[in-house]
């Protein structure tokens, strides 16, 4: 009899048994082991035939010619969507999480606690996307020279808000030069969002060195410092905890692979893009293996959920990054509950 997955009941049961076993042990599963653990009256030869069919469908693979099988990303996807039973977290665990994510005065501390708790509970990497700031529109730029080759940067943003910071460029500028640079930057970028200004400045620093005059080049280089410093702690960013936990999993302990993954965490761009995809969706989202679209995460799964304000508007997203053989039935409810509790904590603190 064929089920909704397109597999026979026997094939479904064997696939589920294989994945459950592989998640627990992390070792290829042989036909004899499957025949014994499935609880069905089937011979190892029958199991081998079913495994051959599942391999042709791309649901399992053999890492070595003589070894047993392991799930593919496609196999995990079918497992999670159709064969997995996710149970609610026990009341005691929910109460413990709620206590540790209680409202605090500091938004950053609540989010740091969330990333640390996700890591601690799952023994994987916990990640929290910090809420983006409201749009900040640049109105005017001014530079004032200080002693010791420092410059006071004055940014007038939104209607009348003033932001000040001090930078130290690589050379000394006269008052006249600073005035000209400020006029150029105000004319070029006034009316644009501060984050967009920062990105435009960084792009110009990369692209136009050979094609602009000295005034513009100086202005862009000074602005690179000025607007970079203008990003407050955690803006457009995420908090990460426990990424070294991933080295405890055999399939992720390869030094070269882990170095690439660590670089991806450090550079942040790809991880941020992946988290931002979750901002567009409701509920728990899963990216299994190559589903993420980033080669460095091909051996990982990312489980995320957005957290909301009182009006239901999405503030940010949090989640867990771990190996594809993670215990999904455990990780999914942990991420779901954490997102709800973080949203509640942030709402109470405001």
Foldseek 3Di string as FASTA:
>chain_A
DADPVRDDPVLLLLLLQQLVVCLVPVFADALVNSCVRSPDPDDSVVSVVSVVVCVVVQQWDDPDDPTHIHGALVVLVCCVVPPDDFDADPPVVLVVLLVQLAADLDLVVSQLSLQAVLCVVQLAKKKWQFFADDFKFWQFWAWDDDPPQKIWIWTQIDPGDIDIDIDHDPDHDDNVLRVLLRVVLNVVGGGHTLVVSLVVLVVCQPPPPPPDDPSPNVSSRVVNVVSVVVQDPSHLAMDMPNNVSQCVNPVCVPPVLSVVVVVCNVVVPLVSVLQVVQLVDAAKDKQAACSSVDPSLNQKMWIKHFAAEPVRHTRGMITGIHGNSGPCSPRRNSRRSSRDSSNVSVNVSD
